[in-house]
Amino acid sequence: MTDNRMPSANKQTITLMVQGTTSDAGKSTLVAGICRILAREKVKVAPFKPQNMALNSAVTKDGGEIGRAQAVQAHAALIEPEVDFNPILLKPNSDTGAQVIVHGKALTSMEAQSYHDYKKQAMQAVLESHQRLTERFDYIIVEGAGSPAEINLREGDIANMGFAEQVDCPVILIADIDRGGVFAHLVGTLELLSPSEQNRIVGFVINRFRGDIKLLEPGLDWLEQKTNKPVLAVLPYLHGLTIAAEDAVDEQQQLTDESASAQNTIKVMVLVTPRMSNHSDFDNLRWHPKINFQFIYGQDLDRQDINSPDFSREREQHPLPPCDLLILPGSKNVQADLAFIKQQGWDIAINRHLRYGGKVMGICGGMQMLGHTIADPDAIESEVPISKGLGLLPLTTTLSKQKILTNVTGTLHLNENNCVLSGYEIHAGITEQLEIDNEPQVKALIRINGEDEGYVSADQQIIGSYWHGIFDTPAALKLIMQWAGANIGESKSFKQQQNIAIDKLADAIAVDLDFNKIKQLAQVNNLADKKV
């Protein structure tokens, strides 16, 4: 990572935006690739996403919270993450509500209609961040959100064309051909935009193409004639592209490559809950050739009162496959996800797993679930004042209004071995150890500046920590897998993995995308009179 990157004197800052026809069209990766290409040319470039809705987040060096995709894009640009790269972050905590984070700090939780009314204020925060970045960078590469053609969200839009119109920047529209219907996506999206919005689209990018490009060329010719817009690039489908996903679990890469299955020495499973957060914690597990990794999904069940006397008898049970290590991930709504685990019968399966000698790990909200109680007296995440946990660690947690956001480094202690590791904390809970008669006490998992963090059960079968990114340090990953029963050998760090993947992505984009043409298009548009 480098300096604060002040732009050259008298040089116009150029803003270029990437919007997609759908979610997961490839906006995040295209922005990351463009940032790396410009950074290689020693250009001062910053990523930017006006509004992000995601449960995967990262902590900036000044203690702010932004979407993880923007942290990855900052890494691609060879700079440290900053709150101005993602001024508005929405973290869903229900089907209709989300925690609103402005300039890195949690403001409040809002229902969808309330946030719609708040958008004018949110736009001001967005424009403030963009203005600050224009004072320091030569290029700002912006990522849109979802699709600009969502008619019901057009009023007060700050994430797509609403932002582009405000700062008067050009837009590249990207679509995923692997999903099918790529020409309908591109033409349909364009048709649903206003004339001024259509005019600012400088061209199309078709993503994830595999096959003979000659078979696609007639369609490309038709598209250009139909829309009078150029196809700027057809990007290939890049197999095994190990870049952290923005939000949704990448089901195409959720299992270890079958070709490496003969090398697997340990099986690790993660329980996927409805409000699971920071699933990027497990990327180094998914990518490791000696780890057989699997996300385990539950089934939608009729909601039952978990406090009902008939609850245990009524609920269906969904047995878990055998594994060596079972992980409970973080959560944006711990009590709701805990209820989901119980509805699936996974609490029974976890106890069975432990009886058979398996290991269990809880991360952040997952660690809170392992305790005896979770209290939410101020309705931070839900209206449920207190829930009974899984009772596997002598802990009690109280959710508080004060959110902890920090990057951390400490020493991991397991099985009389130790190693230095780094991570980050994002949580609103305060967890304390309970003094329970005749129950063996837990030990500390991590030591940081003379203080204890995390827990190891007396029988050494269960560990828990608030730290995200705990597997990103190779030595920590190796030590935890040894504790779980396997020697996986050496591995690359998360940053090394990301760097290799970003370079691979940038190389592919540089071959197919006429970047000099993109620069010219962006420069012409950005020299127009600004509306801000």
Protein backbone atom coordinates (compact mmCIF):
# COMPACT_ATOMS: atom_id res chain seq x y z
CA MET A 1 0.00 0.00 0.00
CA THR A 2 1.17 3.50 -0.77
CA ASP A 3 0.64 7.17 0.05
CA ASN A 4 -2.40 9.44 0.05
CA ARG A 5 -1.87 10.07 -3.67
CA MET A 6 -2.29 13.77 -4.28
CA PRO A 7 -3.03 14.43 -7.98
CA SER A 8 -0.76 16.37 -10.27
CA ALA A 9 -1.30 20.13 -10.32
CA ASN A 10 -3.79 21.46 -12.92
CA LYS A 11 -4.87 17.96 -13.89
CA GLN A 12 -8.61 17.29 -14.25
CA THR A 13 -9.91 14.42 -12.15
CA ILE A 14 -11.78 11.95 -14.35
CA THR A 15 -14.72 10.00 -12.97
CA LEU A 16 -15.81 6.84 -14.81
CA MET A 17 -18.75 4.71 -13.65
CA VAL A 18 -19.47 1.02 -14.19
CA GLN A 19 -23.14 0.03 -13.98
CA GLY A 20 -24.61 -3.43 -14.51
CA THR A 21 -27.75 -4.82 -16.06
CA THR A 22 -28.20 -7.06 -13.00
CA SER A 23 -26.63 -7.77 -9.65
CA ASP A 24 -23.47 -9.88 -10.01
CA ALA A 25 -22.98 -8.81 -13.62
CA GLY A 26 -19.30 -8.15 -12.87
CA LYS A 27 -19.27 -4.51 -11.74
CA SER A 28 -17.05 -5.08 -8.70
CA THR A 29 -14.45 -7.11 -10.56
CA LEU A 30 -14.34 -4.75 -13.56
CA VAL A 31 -13.75 -1.79 -11.24
CA ALA A 32 -11.01 -3.73 -9.44
CA GLY A 33 -9.38 -4.66 -12.74
CA ILE A 34 -9.48 -1.08 -14.06
CA CYS A 35 -8.02 0.20 -10.78
CA ARG A 36 -5.10 -2.23 -11.04
CA ILE A 37 -4.45 -1.34 -14.72
CA LEU A 38 -4.30 2.38 -13.86
CA ALA A 39 -2.22 1.76 -10.74
CA ARG A 40 0.31 -0.16 -12.84
CA GLU A 41 0.63 2.99 -14.97
CA LYS A 42 1.40 4.98 -11.79
CA VAL A 43 -1.93 6.77 -12.10
CA LYS A 44 -3.47 8.03 -8.85
CA VAL A 45 -6.77 6.11 -8.87
CA ALA A 46 -9.46 5.49 -6.24
CA PRO A 47 -12.49 3.17 -6.22
CA PHE A 48 -15.88 4.55 -5.25
CA LYS A 49 -19.32 3.13 -4.58
CA PRO A 50 -21.92 5.73 -3.57
CA GLN A 51 -24.25 3.27 -1.88
CA ASN A 52 -23.59 -0.36 -1.10
CA MET A 53 -26.00 -2.87 0.40
CA ALA A 54 -23.94 -5.76 1.75
CA LEU A 55 -23.28 -7.85 4.83
CA ASN A 56 -19.61 -8.22 3.90
CA SER A 57 -17.72 -5.24 5.27
CA ALA A 58 -14.21 -4.13 6.15
CA VAL A 59 -12.65 -1.81 8.71
CA THR A 60 -10.59 1.15 7.51
CA LYS A 61 -7.42 2.24 9.28
CA ASP A 62 -9.26 5.13 10.93
CA GLY A 63 -11.92 2.83 12.40
CA GLY A 64 -14.66 3.24 9.79
CA GLU A 65 -16.75 0.56 8.07
CA ILE A 66 -17.11 0.14 4.29
CA GLY A 67 -18.20 -2.60 1.91
CA ARG A 68 -15.59 -5.33 1.49
CA ALA A 69 -15.68 -4.95 -2.29
CA GLN A 70 -14.36 -1.40 -1.95
CA ALA A 71 -11.58 -2.63 0.35
CA VAL A 72 -10.60 -5.15 -2.35
CA GLN A 73 -10.76 -2.43 -5.01
CA ALA A 74 -8.53 -0.21 -2.88
CA HIS A 75 -6.05 -3.08 -2.69
CA ALA A 76 -6.25 -3.29 -6.50
CA ALA A 77 -5.46 0.44 -6.66
CA LEU A 78 -2.49 -0.10 -4.30
CA ILE A 79 -3.92 2.16 -1.59
CA GLU A 80 -5.39 1.72 1.88
CA PRO A 81 -9.21 1.53 2.26
CA GLU A 82 -10.94 4.77 3.28
CA VAL A 83 -14.50 5.59 4.33
CA ASP A 84 -14.89 7.96 1.38
CA PHE A 85 -14.63 5.00 -1.02
CA ASN A 86 -18.08 3.86 0.18
CA PRO A 87 -19.88 6.74 1.92
CA ILE A 88 -23.22 4.92 2.36
CA LEU A 89 -23.31 1.27 3.48
CA LEU A 90 -26.60 -0.49 4.18
CA LYS A 91 -26.43 -3.71 6.22
CA PRO A 92 -29.77 -5.56 6.10
CA ASN A 93 -31.01 -6.80 9.47
CA SER A 94 -34.49 -7.86 8.30
CA ASP A 95 -36.40 -8.30 5.06
CA THR A 96 -37.46 -4.64 5.11
CA GLY A 97 -34.87 -2.86 7.25
CA ALA A 98 -31.15 -2.16 7.41
CA GLN A 99 -28.51 -0.50 9.51
CA VAL A 100 -27.46 2.74 7.80
CA ILE A 101 -23.72 3.50 7.91
CA VAL A 102 -22.65 6.99 6.78
CA HIS A 103 -18.97 7.87 6.30
CA GLY A 104 -17.98 4.71 8.13
CA LYS A 105 -20.16 5.12 11.23
CA ALA A 106 -23.49 3.47 12.04
CA LEU A 107 -26.19 6.13 12.04
CA THR A 108 -29.36 4.19 12.78
CA SER A 109 -31.55 1.35 11.53
CA MET A 110 -34.26 2.27 9.04
CA GLU A 111 -37.12 0.58 7.29
CA ALA A 112 -37.10 0.81 3.49
CA GLN A 113 -39.62 3.68 3.30
CA SER A 114 -37.78 5.72 5.92
CA TYR A 115 -34.53 5.32 4.04
CA HIS A 116 -36.22 6.36 0.79
CA ASP A 117 -37.16 9.62 2.52
CA TYR A 118 -33.57 9.99 3.80
CA LYS A 119 -31.96 9.75 0.35
CA LYS A 120 -31.56 13.50 -0.14
CA GLN A 121 -29.35 13.66 2.95
CA ALA A 122 -27.55 10.50 1.85
CA MET A 123 -26.79 12.08 -1.54
CA GLN A 124 -25.10 15.00 0.19
CA ALA A 125 -22.83 12.58 2.06
CA VAL A 126 -22.06 10.85 -1.25
CA LEU A 127 -21.19 14.11 -3.02
CA GLU A 128 -19.01 15.25 -0.10
CA SER A 129 -16.96 12.04 -0.34
CA HIS A 130 -16.67 12.29 -4.12
CA GLN A 131 -15.53 15.91 -3.88
CA ARG A 132 -12.84 15.04 -1.36
CA LEU A 133 -11.56 12.28 -3.63
CA THR A 134 -11.42 14.59 -6.67
CA GLU A 135 -9.00 16.77 -4.72
CA ARG A 136 -6.57 13.89 -4.26
CA PHE A 137 -6.88 11.48 -7.19
CA ASP A 138 -6.54 11.64 -10.97
CA TYR A 139 -9.15 8.94 -11.66
CA ILE A 140 -12.19 7.80 -9.69
CA ILE A 141 -13.65 4.49 -10.86
CA VAL A 142 -17.21 4.18 -9.61
CA GLU A 143 -19.27 1.03 -9.10
CA GLY A 144 -23.04 1.18 -9.41
CA ALA A 145 -25.46 -1.00 -7.45
CA GLY A 146 -27.81 -3.60 -8.87
CA SER A 147 -29.34 -2.21 -12.07
CA PRO A 148 -30.04 1.41 -13.12
CA ALA A 149 -33.32 0.26 -14.71
CA GLU A 150 -35.21 -0.54 -11.48
CA ILE A 151 -38.22 1.70 -12.13
CA ASN A 152 -39.46 1.60 -8.53
CA LEU A 153 -36.10 2.87 -7.24
CA ARG A 154 -35.46 5.65 -9.75
CA GLU A 155 -36.83 8.51 -7.65
CA GLY A 156 -34.07 9.92 -5.48
CA ASP A 157 -31.55 7.40 -6.81
CA ILE A 158 -28.05 7.87 -5.41
CA ALA A 159 -26.52 4.54 -6.44
CA ASN A 160 -26.64 4.58 -10.25
CA MET A 161 -27.79 7.18 -12.76
CA GLY A 162 -28.84 9.60 -10.03
CA PHE A 163 -25.20 9.87 -9.01
CA ALA A 164 -23.90 9.83 -12.60
CA GLU A 165 -26.20 12.72 -13.53
CA GLN A 166 -25.13 14.72 -10.47
CA VAL A 167 -21.41 14.50 -11.22
CA ASP A 168 -21.86 14.33 -15.01
CA CYS A 169 -19.73 11.24 -15.55
CA PRO A 170 -19.70 8.65 -18.36
CA VAL A 171 -21.00 5.14 -17.74
CA ILE A 172 -19.96 1.71 -18.97
CA LEU A 173 -22.80 -0.83 -18.89
CA ILE A 174 -21.73 -4.42 -18.17
CA ALA A 175 -23.80 -7.62 -18.60
CA ASP A 176 -23.12 -11.27 -17.80
CA ILE A 177 -23.50 -13.48 -20.89
CA ASP A 178 -23.14 -16.63 -18.78
CA ARG A 179 -26.59 -15.93 -17.32
CA GLY A 180 -28.17 -15.91 -20.78
CA GLY A 181 -30.22 -13.17 -22.43
CA VAL A 182 -27.30 -10.74 -22.60
CA PHE A 183 -28.68 -8.73 -25.56
CA ALA A 184 -32.10 -8.40 -23.93
CA HIS A 185 -30.41 -7.25 -20.72
CA LEU A 186 -28.38 -4.57 -22.47
CA VAL A 187 -31.07 -3.28 -24.85
CA GLY A 188 -33.81 -3.49 -22.24
CA THR A 189 -31.76 -1.61 -19.66
CA LEU A 190 -30.90 1.10 -22.17
CA GLU A 191 -34.54 1.50 -23.25
CA LEU A 192 -35.69 2.04 -19.66
CA LEU A 193 -33.33 4.98 -19.13
CA SER A 194 -34.11 8.63 -19.81
CA PRO A 195 -32.56 10.27 -22.91
CA SER A 196 -29.88 12.04 -20.88
CA GLU A 197 -29.02 8.81 -19.07
CA GLN A 198 -28.83 6.91 -22.36
CA ASN A 199 -26.47 9.54 -23.73
CA ARG A 200 -23.98 9.13 -20.92
CA ILE A 201 -23.54 5.39 -21.57
CA VAL A 202 -20.33 5.30 -23.63
CA GLY A 203 -20.44 1.59 -24.41
CA PHE A 204 -21.03 -1.99 -23.33
CA VAL A 205 -18.90 -4.70 -21.78
CA ILE A 206 -19.99 -8.32 -22.07
CA ASN A 207 -18.66 -10.40 -19.20
CA ARG A 208 -17.93 -14.11 -18.61
CA PHE A 209 -17.90 -15.25 -22.25
CA ARG A 210 -16.73 -18.77 -23.08
CA GLY A 211 -16.71 -20.22 -26.57
CA ASP A 212 -15.81 -19.13 -30.09
CA ILE A 213 -15.97 -15.34 -30.34
CA LYS A 214 -16.80 -15.61 -34.06
CA LEU A 215 -20.17 -17.10 -33.15
CA LEU A 216 -20.89 -14.03 -31.03
CA GLU A 217 -19.81 -11.41 -33.56
CA PRO A 218 -23.13 -11.22 -35.50
CA GLY A 219 -24.87 -10.42 -32.23
CA LEU A 220 -22.30 -7.76 -31.40
CA ASP A 221 -22.78 -6.14 -34.80
CA TRP A 222 -26.55 -6.13 -34.31
CA LEU A 223 -26.21 -4.63 -30.82
CA GLU A 224 -24.02 -1.78 -32.03
CA GLN A 225 -26.36 -1.02 -34.94
CA LYS A 226 -29.46 -1.22 -32.73
CA THR A 227 -28.14 1.05 -29.98
CA ASN A 228 -25.48 3.11 -31.75
CA LYS A 229 -23.22 2.23 -28.79
CA PRO A 230 -19.88 0.40 -29.12
CA VAL A 231 -19.11 -2.95 -27.51
CA LEU A 232 -15.97 -1.96 -25.66
CA ALA A 233 -14.92 -5.48 -24.67
CA VAL A 234 -15.97 -9.11 -24.43
CA LEU A 235 -14.28 -10.41 -21.28
CA PRO A 236 -13.58 -14.14 -20.87
CA TYR A 237 -14.95 -16.40 -18.17
CA LEU A 238 -12.03 -16.63 -15.74
CA HIS A 239 -12.07 -19.99 -13.98
CA GLY A 240 -10.97 -20.06 -10.37
CA LEU A 241 -10.92 -16.28 -9.99
CA THR A 242 -10.31 -16.02 -6.24
CA ILE A 243 -11.51 -12.48 -5.55
CA ALA A 244 -13.63 -11.93 -2.45
CA ALA A 245 -17.32 -11.71 -3.40
CA GLU A 246 -19.15 -8.47 -2.60
CA ASP A 247 -22.06 -10.02 -0.73
CA ALA A 248 -23.82 -13.18 -1.92
CA VAL A 249 -22.06 -16.49 -1.37
CA ASP A 250 -20.42 -17.53 -4.65
CA GLU A 251 -22.08 -20.89 -5.08
CA GLN A 252 -19.99 -21.63 -8.17
CA GLN A 253 -16.89 -21.68 -6.00
CA GLN A 254 -18.29 -22.87 -2.71
CA LEU A 255 -16.67 -26.31 -2.87
CA THR A 256 -13.03 -27.16 -3.17
CA ASP A 257 -12.09 -28.08 -6.74
CA GLU A 258 -12.93 -31.76 -7.28
CA SER A 259 -9.62 -32.26 -9.08
CA ALA A 260 -7.91 -31.59 -5.77
CA SER A 261 -10.24 -33.77 -3.68
CA ALA A 262 -7.69 -36.57 -3.45
CA GLN A 263 -5.41 -34.16 -1.59
CA ASN A 264 -8.04 -33.13 0.96
CA THR A 265 -6.96 -33.85 4.49
CA ILE A 266 -9.79 -32.20 6.44
CA LYS A 267 -13.49 -31.45 5.93
CA VAL A 268 -14.80 -28.05 7.05
CA MET A 269 -18.43 -26.92 6.94
CA VAL A 270 -20.00 -23.50 7.55
CA LEU A 271 -23.68 -23.11 8.44
CA VAL A 272 -25.32 -20.52 6.15
CA THR A 273 -27.94 -18.47 7.97
CA PRO A 274 -30.29 -15.82 6.51
CA ARG A 275 -28.34 -12.85 7.96
CA MET A 276 -24.88 -14.39 7.71
CA SER A 277 -22.19 -11.69 7.51
CA ASN A 278 -18.60 -11.55 6.28
CA HIS A 279 -18.58 -14.90 4.50
CA SER A 280 -15.28 -13.73 3.01
CA ASP A 281 -13.83 -14.99 6.33
CA PHE A 282 -13.81 -18.40 4.68
CA ASP A 283 -12.23 -17.62 1.32
CA ASN A 284 -8.85 -19.04 2.32
CA LEU A 285 -10.61 -22.25 3.38
CA ARG A 286 -12.50 -22.50 0.08
CA TRP A 287 -9.36 -21.93 -1.96
CA HIS A 288 -7.03 -24.28 -0.07
CA PRO A 289 -6.35 -27.54 -2.01
CA LYS A 290 -6.11 -29.64 1.17
CA ILE A 291 -9.38 -28.45 2.71
CA ASN A 292 -12.68 -29.98 1.64
CA PHE A 293 -14.90 -26.97 2.25
CA GLN A 294 -18.68 -26.73 2.08
CA PHE A 295 -21.37 -24.19 2.87
CA ILE A 296 -24.41 -25.90 4.41
CA TYR A 297 -27.80 -24.43 3.56
CA GLY A 298 -30.98 -24.87 5.56
CA GLN A 299 -34.55 -25.11 4.35
CA ASP A 300 -37.31 -22.54 4.60
CA LEU A 301 -39.58 -23.75 7.39
CA ASP A 302 -42.80 -22.42 8.80
CA ARG A 303 -41.80 -20.05 11.59
CA GLN A 304 -42.38 -21.66 14.95
CA ASP A 305 -42.20 -20.17 18.41
CA ILE A 306 -38.89 -21.50 19.73
CA ASN A 307 -40.13 -20.90 23.28
CA SER A 308 -43.16 -23.16 22.74
CA PRO A 309 -43.18 -26.39 24.82
CA ASP A 310 -43.91 -28.30 21.60
CA PHE A 311 -41.13 -26.65 19.61
CA SER A 312 -38.60 -29.52 19.82
CA ARG A 313 -41.26 -32.10 18.95
CA GLU A 314 -42.75 -30.14 16.05
CA ARG A 315 -39.66 -29.02 14.20
CA GLU A 316 -38.15 -30.92 11.34
CA GLN A 317 -34.55 -32.03 11.70
CA HIS A 318 -32.03 -31.74 8.91
CA PRO A 319 -28.97 -33.83 9.80
CA LEU A 320 -25.59 -32.36 8.97
CA PRO A 321 -23.08 -34.36 6.92
CA PRO A 322 -20.07 -35.59 8.90
CA CYS A 323 -17.11 -33.23 9.06
CA ASP A 324 -14.03 -32.44 11.14
CA LEU A 325 -14.71 -28.77 11.82
CA LEU A 326 -18.11 -27.05 11.97
CA ILE A 327 -18.17 -23.23 11.92
CA LEU A 328 -20.91 -20.83 13.00
CA PRO A 329 -20.32 -17.57 11.08
CA GLY A 330 -20.98 -13.95 11.90
CA SER A 331 -24.50 -12.53 11.73
CA LYS A 332 -26.22 -9.15 11.35
CA ASN A 333 -29.19 -10.44 13.37
CA VAL A 334 -27.83 -12.96 15.84
CA GLN A 335 -31.08 -13.88 17.57
CA ALA A 336 -32.95 -14.44 14.29
CA ASP A 337 -30.11 -16.57 12.91
CA LEU A 338 -29.93 -18.51 16.18
CA ALA A 339 -33.67 -19.22 15.87
CA PHE A 340 -33.06 -20.38 12.29
CA ILE A 341 -30.37 -22.79 13.49
CA LYS A 342 -32.76 -24.25 16.04
CA GLN A 343 -35.58 -24.50 13.50
CA GLN A 344 -33.29 -26.57 11.28
CA GLY A 345 -32.48 -28.90 14.17
CA TRP A 346 -28.83 -27.94 13.76
CA ASP A 347 -28.42 -27.39 17.50
CA ILE A 348 -29.10 -31.11 17.97
CA ALA A 349 -26.71 -31.94 15.14
CA ILE A 350 -23.97 -29.75 16.66
CA ASN A 351 -24.21 -31.62 19.96
CA ARG A 352 -24.03 -34.93 18.10
CA HIS A 353 -21.00 -33.68 16.17
CA LEU A 354 -19.24 -32.84 19.45
CA ARG A 355 -20.08 -36.23 20.99
CA TYR A 356 -18.37 -37.90 18.04
CA GLY A 357 -15.23 -35.86 18.63
CA GLY A 358 -15.74 -33.10 16.05
CA LYS A 359 -14.57 -29.53 16.58
CA VAL A 360 -16.75 -26.39 16.59
CA MET A 361 -15.79 -22.78 16.01
CA GLY A 362 -17.87 -19.60 16.34
CA ILE A 363 -16.89 -16.28 14.74
CA CYS A 364 -18.38 -13.03 16.06
CA GLY A 365 -22.16 -13.63 16.10
CA GLY A 366 -21.46 -17.36 15.84
CA MET A 367 -19.44 -17.16 19.05
CA GLN A 368 -22.30 -15.30 20.75
CA MET A 369 -24.65 -18.15 19.78
CA LEU A 370 -22.36 -20.67 21.49
CA GLY A 371 -22.99 -18.99 24.85
CA HIS A 372 -25.88 -19.29 27.29
CA THR A 373 -27.81 -16.08 26.55
CA ILE A 374 -27.97 -13.20 24.07
CA ALA A 375 -29.71 -10.05 25.34
CA ASP A 376 -30.85 -7.10 23.22
CA PRO A 377 -32.41 -4.68 25.74
CA ASP A 378 -32.21 -1.68 23.39
CA ALA A 379 -33.59 -3.53 20.33
CA ILE A 380 -30.35 -3.03 18.42
CA GLU A 381 -31.03 -5.99 16.08
CA SER A 382 -34.51 -7.21 16.99
CA GLU A 383 -37.46 -6.76 19.33
CA VAL A 384 -36.60 -9.96 21.23
CA PRO A 385 -35.20 -8.88 24.64
CA ILE A 386 -33.29 -12.10 25.34
CA SER A 387 -32.67 -15.47 23.69
CA LYS A 388 -31.29 -18.70 25.02
CA GLY A 389 -28.07 -19.64 23.28
CA LEU A 390 -26.68 -23.08 22.46
CA GLY A 391 -25.10 -23.35 25.93
CA LEU A 392 -21.81 -24.75 24.69
CA LEU A 393 -19.57 -22.05 26.21
CA PRO A 394 -20.06 -20.32 29.61
CA LEU A 395 -20.70 -16.92 28.07
CA THR A 396 -23.39 -14.26 28.06
CA THR A 397 -23.71 -11.47 25.50
CA THR A 398 -25.48 -8.12 25.65
CA LEU A 399 -25.92 -6.14 22.44
CA SER A 400 -25.09 -2.45 22.83
CA LYS A 401 -25.55 0.74 20.83
CA GLN A 402 -21.79 1.28 20.68
CA LYS A 403 -20.35 -0.58 17.70
CA ILE A 404 -16.76 -1.81 17.89
CA LEU A 405 -14.76 -1.27 14.69
CA THR A 406 -11.04 -1.98 14.81
CA ASN A 407 -8.16 -3.70 13.06
CA VAL A 408 -6.27 -5.97 15.43
CA THR A 409 -3.07 -7.98 15.77
CA GLY A 410 -2.38 -10.53 18.49
CA THR A 411 -1.10 -14.00 19.32
CA LEU A 412 -3.22 -17.12 18.78
CA HIS A 413 -2.83 -19.89 21.39
CA LEU A 414 -4.02 -23.45 20.65
CA ASN A 415 -2.76 -26.84 21.89
CA GLU A 416 0.29 -25.22 23.52
CA ASN A 417 1.27 -23.72 20.16
CA ASN A 418 1.04 -20.08 19.17
CA CYS A 419 1.44 -17.72 16.23
CA VAL A 420 0.96 -14.04 15.43
CA LEU A 421 -2.20 -13.20 13.47
CA SER A 422 -4.16 -10.16 12.31
CA GLY A 423 -7.89 -9.57 11.87
CA TYR A 424 -10.63 -7.04 12.45
CA GLU A 425 -13.64 -6.62 14.72
CA ILE A 426 -17.11 -5.42 13.68
CA HIS A 427 -19.71 -6.05 16.37
CA ALA A 428 -22.18 -4.43 18.76
CA GLY A 429 -21.99 -7.12 21.44
CA ILE A 430 -20.23 -7.26 24.78
CA THR A 431 -19.50 -10.84 25.81
CA GLU A 432 -18.62 -11.88 29.36
CA GLN A 433 -17.60 -15.18 30.88
CA LEU A 434 -20.05 -16.77 33.31
CA GLU A 435 -18.93 -18.30 36.58
CA ILE A 436 -20.96 -21.53 36.69
CA ASP A 437 -20.58 -24.04 39.52
CA ASN A 438 -18.99 -27.34 38.52
CA GLU A 439 -18.44 -26.14 34.93
CA PRO A 440 -14.81 -26.02 33.77
CA GLN A 441 -13.68 -22.56 32.80
CA VAL A 442 -12.58 -21.56 29.34
CA LYS A 443 -9.13 -20.32 28.36
CA ALA A 444 -8.19 -17.37 26.16
CA LEU A 445 -7.81 -18.05 22.44
CA ILE A 446 -5.92 -14.84 21.59
CA ARG A 447 -3.69 -12.48 23.55
CA ILE A 448 -3.58 -8.86 22.39
CA ASN A 449 -1.57 -6.22 24.25
CA GLY A 450 -1.77 -8.24 27.45
CA GLU A 451 -5.55 -8.69 27.18
CA ASP A 452 -7.52 -11.87 26.49
CA GLU A 453 -9.77 -12.30 23.44
CA GLY A 454 -11.80 -15.30 22.41
CA TYR A 455 -12.34 -18.59 24.19
CA VAL A 456 -11.18 -22.21 24.16
CA SER A 457 -13.39 -24.75 25.93
CA ALA A 458 -11.90 -26.82 28.73
CA ASP A 459 -12.10 -29.98 26.60
CA GLN A 460 -10.41 -28.19 23.66
CA GLN A 461 -13.30 -29.00 21.30
CA ILE A 462 -14.80 -25.52 20.92
CA ILE A 463 -13.26 -22.15 20.12
CA GLY A 464 -14.82 -18.75 19.57
CA SER A 465 -13.61 -15.26 18.70
CA TYR A 466 -14.92 -11.86 17.67
CA TRP A 467 -12.13 -11.59 15.10
CA HIS A 468 -12.98 -11.66 11.41
CA GLY A 469 -10.23 -12.55 8.95
CA ILE A 470 -8.77 -15.08 11.36
CA PHE A 471 -7.97 -17.52 8.52
CA ASP A 472 -6.27 -14.86 6.40
CA THR A 473 -2.95 -15.32 8.20
CA PRO A 474 -1.33 -18.55 6.89
CA ALA A 475 0.20 -19.50 10.27
CA ALA A 476 -3.16 -19.09 12.02
CA LEU A 477 -4.95 -21.12 9.35
CA LYS A 478 -2.39 -23.91 9.73
CA LEU A 479 -2.61 -23.89 13.54
CA ILE A 480 -6.43 -23.99 13.60
CA MET A 481 -6.49 -26.85 11.09
CA GLN A 482 -3.95 -28.72 13.26
CA TRP A 483 -6.27 -28.22 16.24
CA ALA A 484 -9.12 -29.59 14.09
CA GLY A 485 -7.09 -32.68 13.20
CA ALA A 486 -5.04 -32.12 10.03
CA ASN A 487 -1.71 -30.79 8.80
CA ILE A 488 -2.44 -28.74 5.68
CA GLY A 489 1.09 -27.46 5.16
CA GLU A 490 1.97 -23.95 4.06
CA SER A 491 -0.39 -21.60 2.20
CA LYS A 492 -0.55 -18.09 0.79
CA SER A 493 -1.98 -15.21 2.78
CA PHE A 494 -5.32 -13.67 1.85
CA LYS A 495 -3.57 -10.57 0.50
CA GLN A 496 -1.26 -12.71 -1.63
CA GLN A 497 -4.24 -14.65 -2.99
CA GLN A 498 -6.08 -11.42 -3.78
CA ASN A 499 -3.06 -9.88 -5.45
CA ILE A 500 -2.58 -12.87 -7.75
CA ALA A 501 -6.28 -12.88 -8.65
CA ILE A 502 -6.42 -9.12 -9.29
CA ASP A 503 -3.36 -9.31 -11.54
CA LYS A 504 -4.97 -12.18 -13.46
CA LEU A 505 -8.15 -10.13 -13.84
CA ALA A 506 -6.29 -6.98 -14.90
CA ASP A 507 -4.27 -8.94 -17.49
CA ALA A 508 -7.48 -10.31 -19.04
CA ILE A 509 -9.17 -6.91 -19.09
CA ALA A 510 -6.09 -5.21 -20.57
CA VAL A 511 -6.13 -7.68 -23.51
CA ASP A 512 -9.80 -7.19 -24.36
CA LEU A 513 -10.59 -3.63 -23.30
CA ASP A 514 -9.31 -0.75 -25.44
CA PHE A 515 -8.31 1.33 -22.48
CA ASN A 516 -7.00 4.27 -24.47
CA LYS A 517 -10.46 4.56 -26.00
CA ILE A 518 -12.04 4.39 -22.54
CA LYS A 519 -9.77 7.19 -21.34
CA GLN A 520 -10.72 9.36 -24.31
CA LEU A 521 -14.44 8.78 -23.81
CA ALA A 522 -14.17 9.49 -20.09
CA GLN A 523 -12.08 12.60 -20.60
CA VAL A 524 -14.43 14.16 -23.16
CA ASN A 525 -17.44 13.59 -20.90
CA ASN A 526 -15.75 14.81 -17.73
CA LEU A 527 -14.72 18.10 -19.37
CA ALA A 528 -18.41 19.04 -19.64
CA ASP A 529 -19.90 21.58 -17.25
CA LYS A 530 -20.56 19.99 -13.86
CA LYS A 531 -23.95 19.99 -12.23
CA VAL A 532 -22.59 19.92 -8.70
